[in-house]
Amino acid sequence: MAEQGIQGINPNISAQAEGIAGSAAVNFTGTERKIIEELGGKLDPKTSFMELFKNKPLNAKVENQETTVKRHQDINKMERQVVDHRKMLKESPHLVPRERVEIKKDLPDKFEESEKPIVSVSDEDSASIKNKKDNKLHENTVAIVKELNLNPSEIMDKFNLEQKGLLSLVSRIKDLHLKRLLTESEVEFKSVSDTIKKTSLSSAKPEAREWLSSQLDKLTKEAAIYKLKLSKSLQAIEYTEKREENINWLTKSIALLSA
């Protein structure tokens, strides 16, 4: 008769409790076994199904996983968006308090004038500013008079005009004189010359009008001589009947102005 092996005795458990533990060690349902295998766990007859989850988190074994979840946005970009949104909310017309309207007795124009700072200017400062402006106007006037081949020292005191008005007058004469130099029409040349004389003499002092008229005739003669020389030079390069007509009336005009 063969000898039976002697089983070890656990002094801390009774025979009844040992039998219960032995039956509980293999008490896994089919569903529990499947869940443990899918989640990467091991079937341990000494550990219950609940203890497997309690003592060690189980991770599912997934191969070639595909996901539709998009990557997170850049953190800096998200922070900027948060700042922008907060700024939008802060400046929103629904949240920004409206300015309080205060009704005053003064009229709008009078009220605005009271808001402007009052700057006092002494008489000396005012005179200094006026002198600087007049000097600048005088310099510009002298420059234009010289361009017209006239003597500034003779012209300046012939008019009953302030510096601003005198500058406007000589500027007008200059524009008309240039127009006269560019025209090829005898009628327009004479018309512009008459306008220059009429505009100038109407603002001149009575005792200076005769002298001024002679100076303006001199300016007209110089314009005709210039145009005549230019026309003859161009005619020598290429002859045209129109240019020949201009040469004829320019010659007559110079003769009349020289008489």
Protein backbone atom coordinates (compact mmCIF):
# COMPACT_ATOMS: atom_id res chain seq x y z
CA MET A 1 0.00 0.00 0.00
CA ALA A 2 1.46 3.24 -1.07
CA GLU A 3 2.10 5.97 1.44
CA GLN A 4 -0.07 9.04 1.26
CA GLY A 5 1.64 12.40 1.27
CA ILE A 6 1.29 14.40 4.39
CA GLN A 7 -0.33 17.73 3.72
CA GLY A 8 0.98 20.78 5.48
CA ILE A 9 -1.13 22.25 8.19
CA ASN A 10 -1.80 25.96 8.33
CA PRO A 11 -2.05 26.78 12.01
CA ASN A 12 -3.96 30.03 11.29
CA ILE A 13 -6.92 28.55 9.41
CA SER A 14 -9.45 25.99 10.27
CA ALA A 15 -10.41 23.07 8.09
CA GLN A 16 -13.76 24.69 7.25
CA ALA A 17 -12.18 27.99 6.33
CA GLU A 18 -9.55 26.24 4.21
CA GLY A 19 -12.26 24.47 2.27
CA ILE A 20 -14.09 27.73 1.64
CA ALA A 21 -10.88 29.44 0.49
CA GLY A 22 -10.12 26.59 -1.89
CA SER A 23 -13.49 26.85 -3.52
CA ALA A 24 -13.30 30.67 -3.71
CA ALA A 25 -9.88 30.55 -5.46
CA VAL A 26 -11.35 29.21 -8.67
CA ASN A 27 -14.67 31.02 -8.53
CA PHE A 28 -14.26 33.24 -11.70
CA THR A 29 -17.13 33.60 -14.07
CA GLY A 30 -16.61 33.48 -17.82
CA THR A 31 -17.20 37.21 -18.09
CA GLU A 32 -14.65 37.95 -15.36
CA ARG A 33 -12.04 35.78 -17.04
CA LYS A 34 -12.60 37.56 -20.36
CA ILE A 35 -12.34 41.02 -18.78
CA ILE A 36 -9.12 40.10 -16.93
CA GLU A 37 -7.52 38.72 -20.10
CA GLU A 38 -8.51 41.72 -22.23
CA LEU A 39 -7.16 44.14 -19.65
CA GLY A 40 -3.83 42.35 -19.40
CA GLY A 41 -4.37 40.76 -16.01
CA LYS A 42 -3.43 37.26 -14.85
CA LEU A 43 -5.75 34.71 -13.37
CA ASP A 44 -4.50 34.26 -9.83
CA PRO A 45 -6.48 31.72 -7.76
CA LYS A 46 -5.34 33.52 -4.63
CA THR A 47 -6.65 36.93 -5.70
CA SER A 48 -10.27 37.81 -6.22
CA PHE A 49 -11.66 39.71 -9.19
CA MET A 50 -12.19 42.89 -7.16
CA GLU A 51 -8.71 42.77 -5.65
CA LEU A 52 -7.16 42.68 -9.12
CA PHE A 53 -8.65 46.13 -9.84
CA LYS A 54 -7.99 47.43 -6.35
CA ASN A 55 -4.30 46.57 -6.05
CA LYS A 56 -3.18 47.16 -9.65
CA PRO A 57 -4.81 49.23 -12.41
CA LEU A 58 -5.35 47.12 -15.49
CA ASN A 59 -4.55 48.54 -18.93
CA ALA A 60 -6.24 47.26 -22.05
CA LYS A 61 -3.98 45.65 -24.62
CA VAL A 62 -4.67 47.58 -27.80
CA GLU A 63 -2.70 47.16 -31.00
CA ASN A 64 -2.81 49.55 -33.98
CA GLN A 65 -5.19 51.82 -32.18
CA GLU A 66 -6.76 54.52 -34.33
CA THR A 67 -8.33 57.55 -32.76
CA THR A 68 -10.27 60.54 -34.02
CA VAL A 69 -9.23 62.71 -31.09
CA LYS A 70 -7.35 65.79 -32.34
CA ARG A 71 -4.08 66.91 -30.83
CA HIS A 72 -4.17 69.58 -28.20
CA GLN A 73 -3.58 73.12 -29.38
CA ASP A 74 -0.37 74.92 -28.59
CA ILE A 75 -0.42 76.13 -24.99
CA ASN A 76 0.83 79.62 -25.91
CA LYS A 77 -1.86 79.93 -28.54
CA MET A 78 -4.55 78.91 -26.08
CA GLU A 79 -3.26 81.43 -23.53
CA ARG A 80 -3.36 84.21 -26.14
CA GLN A 81 -6.92 83.28 -27.02
CA VAL A 82 -7.90 83.46 -23.36
CA VAL A 83 -6.31 86.91 -23.06
CA ASP A 84 -8.08 88.10 -26.22
CA HIS A 85 -11.42 86.81 -25.02
CA ARG A 86 -11.02 88.51 -21.67
CA LYS A 87 -10.12 91.76 -23.41
CA MET A 88 -13.17 91.47 -25.66
CA LEU A 89 -15.40 90.95 -22.66
CA LYS A 90 -13.77 93.83 -20.80
CA GLU A 91 -14.27 96.26 -23.69
CA SER A 92 -17.68 94.98 -24.69
CA PRO A 93 -20.29 97.76 -24.97
CA HIS A 94 -22.61 95.63 -22.87
CA LEU A 95 -20.16 95.63 -19.98
CA VAL A 96 -18.34 98.97 -20.25
CA PRO A 97 -20.15 101.59 -18.17
CA ARG A 98 -21.49 104.50 -20.15
CA GLU A 99 -20.17 107.99 -19.53
CA ARG A 100 -22.45 110.05 -17.38
CA VAL A 101 -24.06 112.96 -19.17
CA GLU A 102 -23.98 116.24 -17.34
CA ILE A 103 -26.31 119.01 -18.41
CA LYS A 104 -25.02 122.56 -18.05
CA LYS A 105 -26.64 125.90 -18.66
CA ASP A 106 -23.96 127.13 -21.07
CA LEU A 107 -24.48 126.71 -24.79
CA PRO A 108 -22.18 124.22 -26.59
CA ASP A 109 -20.08 126.91 -28.30
CA LYS A 110 -19.66 128.88 -25.11
CA PHE A 111 -18.84 125.74 -23.16
CA GLU A 112 -16.11 124.70 -25.63
CA GLU A 113 -14.54 128.12 -25.47
CA SER A 114 -14.35 127.92 -21.70
CA GLU A 115 -12.48 124.60 -22.01
CA LYS A 116 -9.69 126.13 -24.12
CA PRO A 117 -6.64 127.39 -22.27
CA ILE A 118 -6.19 131.14 -22.41
CA VAL A 119 -2.74 132.14 -23.62
CA SER A 120 -1.82 135.74 -23.10
CA VAL A 121 0.50 137.37 -25.62
CA SER A 122 2.16 140.64 -24.79
CA ASP A 123 2.21 143.55 -27.19
CA GLU A 124 5.93 143.11 -27.73
CA ASP A 125 5.55 139.44 -28.63
CA SER A 126 2.67 140.23 -30.97
CA ALA A 127 4.72 142.93 -32.72
CA SER A 128 7.69 140.57 -33.02
CA ILE A 129 5.56 137.85 -34.62
CA LYS A 130 4.07 140.35 -37.08
CA ASN A 131 7.53 141.63 -38.04
CA LYS A 132 8.77 138.12 -38.71
CA LYS A 133 5.80 137.41 -40.97
CA ASP A 134 6.25 140.69 -42.82
CA ASN A 135 9.95 140.04 -43.33
CA LYS A 136 9.21 136.61 -44.79
CA LEU A 137 6.59 138.05 -47.13
CA HIS A 138 9.00 140.80 -48.14
CA GLU A 139 11.72 138.27 -49.01
CA ASN A 140 9.35 136.25 -51.19
CA THR A 141 8.13 139.40 -52.95
CA VAL A 142 11.66 140.56 -53.71
CA ALA A 143 12.55 137.15 -55.14
CA ILE A 144 9.60 137.22 -57.58
CA VAL A 145 10.26 140.82 -58.65
CA LYS A 146 13.84 139.85 -59.51
CA GLU A 147 12.57 136.93 -61.61
CA LEU A 148 10.62 139.47 -63.66
CA ASN A 149 13.83 141.45 -64.29
CA LEU A 150 12.47 144.43 -62.32
CA ASN A 151 14.17 146.46 -59.60
CA PRO A 152 12.64 145.61 -56.18
CA SER A 153 13.75 148.88 -54.58
CA GLU A 154 11.84 150.80 -57.25
CA ILE A 155 8.74 148.64 -57.35
CA MET A 156 8.02 148.02 -53.66
CA ASP A 157 6.86 151.53 -52.74
CA LYS A 158 4.69 152.07 -55.81
CA PHE A 159 1.62 150.27 -54.47
CA ASN A 160 -0.95 150.94 -51.76
CA LEU A 161 -0.73 147.40 -50.49
CA GLU A 162 0.41 145.55 -47.40
CA GLN A 163 3.14 142.96 -47.71
CA LYS A 164 0.65 140.12 -48.13
CA GLY A 165 -1.31 141.96 -50.82
CA LEU A 166 1.88 142.98 -52.64
CA LEU A 167 3.12 139.38 -52.70
CA SER A 168 -0.22 138.24 -54.11
CA LEU A 169 -0.01 140.88 -56.84
CA VAL A 170 3.51 140.08 -58.03
CA SER A 171 2.72 136.36 -57.94
CA ARG A 172 -0.27 137.02 -60.19
CA ILE A 173 1.88 139.04 -62.60
CA LYS A 174 4.46 136.26 -62.71
CA ASP A 175 1.84 133.63 -63.61
CA LEU A 176 0.43 135.80 -66.38
CA HIS A 177 3.91 136.57 -67.71
CA LEU A 178 4.73 132.85 -67.99
CA LYS A 179 1.45 132.26 -69.77
CA ARG A 180 2.35 135.02 -72.21
CA LEU A 181 5.74 133.42 -72.92
CA LEU A 182 4.15 130.07 -73.76
CA THR A 183 1.34 131.23 -76.02
CA GLU A 184 1.62 131.12 -79.83
CA SER A 185 -1.42 133.27 -80.41
CA GLU A 186 -1.06 136.99 -81.13
CA VAL A 187 -4.54 137.67 -79.72
CA GLU A 188 -3.80 135.84 -76.45
CA PHE A 189 -0.40 137.53 -76.12
CA LYS A 190 -1.98 140.99 -76.33
CA SER A 191 -4.89 139.98 -74.04
CA VAL A 192 -2.56 138.70 -71.30
CA SER A 193 -0.39 141.82 -71.61
CA ASP A 194 -3.43 144.06 -71.13
CA THR A 195 -4.51 142.02 -68.08
CA ILE A 196 -1.08 142.41 -66.49
CA LYS A 197 -1.15 146.19 -66.95
CA LYS A 198 -4.74 146.57 -65.75
CA THR A 199 -4.19 144.42 -62.64
CA SER A 200 -1.00 146.24 -61.70
CA LEU A 201 -2.13 149.82 -62.29
CA SER A 202 -5.37 149.38 -60.34
CA SER A 203 -3.35 148.80 -57.15
CA ALA A 204 -0.61 151.37 -57.82
CA LYS A 205 -0.37 154.79 -56.29
CA PRO A 206 -1.72 157.51 -58.60
CA GLU A 207 1.60 159.28 -58.91
CA ALA A 208 3.39 156.02 -59.75
CA ARG A 209 1.05 154.69 -62.47
CA GLU A 210 2.77 156.34 -65.44
CA TRP A 211 6.17 155.08 -64.38
CA LEU A 212 4.78 151.63 -63.62
CA SER A 213 3.08 151.49 -67.04
CA SER A 214 6.42 152.09 -68.77
CA GLN A 215 8.01 149.30 -66.70
CA LEU A 216 5.25 146.88 -67.69
CA ASP A 217 5.67 147.81 -71.39
CA LYS A 218 9.35 147.06 -70.99
CA LEU A 219 8.48 143.65 -69.54
CA THR A 220 6.12 142.98 -72.48
CA LYS A 221 8.85 143.93 -74.96
CA GLU A 222 11.31 141.56 -73.30
CA ALA A 223 8.77 138.74 -73.54
CA ALA A 224 8.25 139.42 -77.26
CA ILE A 225 12.01 139.50 -77.92
CA TYR A 226 12.47 136.21 -76.11
CA LYS A 227 9.71 134.55 -78.12
CA LEU A 228 11.06 135.98 -81.37
CA LYS A 229 14.56 134.59 -80.77
CA LEU A 230 13.13 131.20 -79.85
CA SER A 231 10.89 131.10 -82.94
CA LYS A 232 13.77 132.01 -85.27
CA SER A 233 15.97 129.30 -83.76
CA LEU A 234 13.27 126.68 -84.25
CA GLN A 235 12.54 127.97 -87.76
CA ALA A 236 16.18 127.44 -88.68
CA ILE A 237 15.88 123.80 -87.66
CA GLU A 238 12.51 123.14 -89.26
CA TYR A 239 10.51 125.64 -91.30
CA THR A 240 6.75 125.97 -90.72
CA GLU A 241 4.25 128.54 -91.99
CA LYS A 242 2.68 128.91 -88.52
CA ARG A 243 6.02 129.79 -86.97
CA GLU A 244 6.68 132.28 -89.76
CA GLU A 245 3.41 134.05 -88.90
CA ASN A 246 4.48 134.24 -85.24
CA ILE A 247 7.79 135.78 -86.24
CA ASN A 248 5.99 138.47 -88.24
CA TRP A 249 3.58 139.64 -85.51
CA LEU A 250 6.27 139.45 -82.82
CA THR A 251 8.51 141.69 -84.94
CA LYS A 252 5.69 144.24 -85.32
CA SER A 253 4.91 144.15 -81.57
CA ILE A 254 8.53 144.85 -80.68
CA ALA A 255 8.62 147.75 -83.11
CA LEU A 256 5.52 149.31 -81.55
CA LEU A 257 6.84 148.91 -78.00
CA SER A 258 10.18 150.46 -79.04
CA ALA A 259 8.59 153.59 -80.60
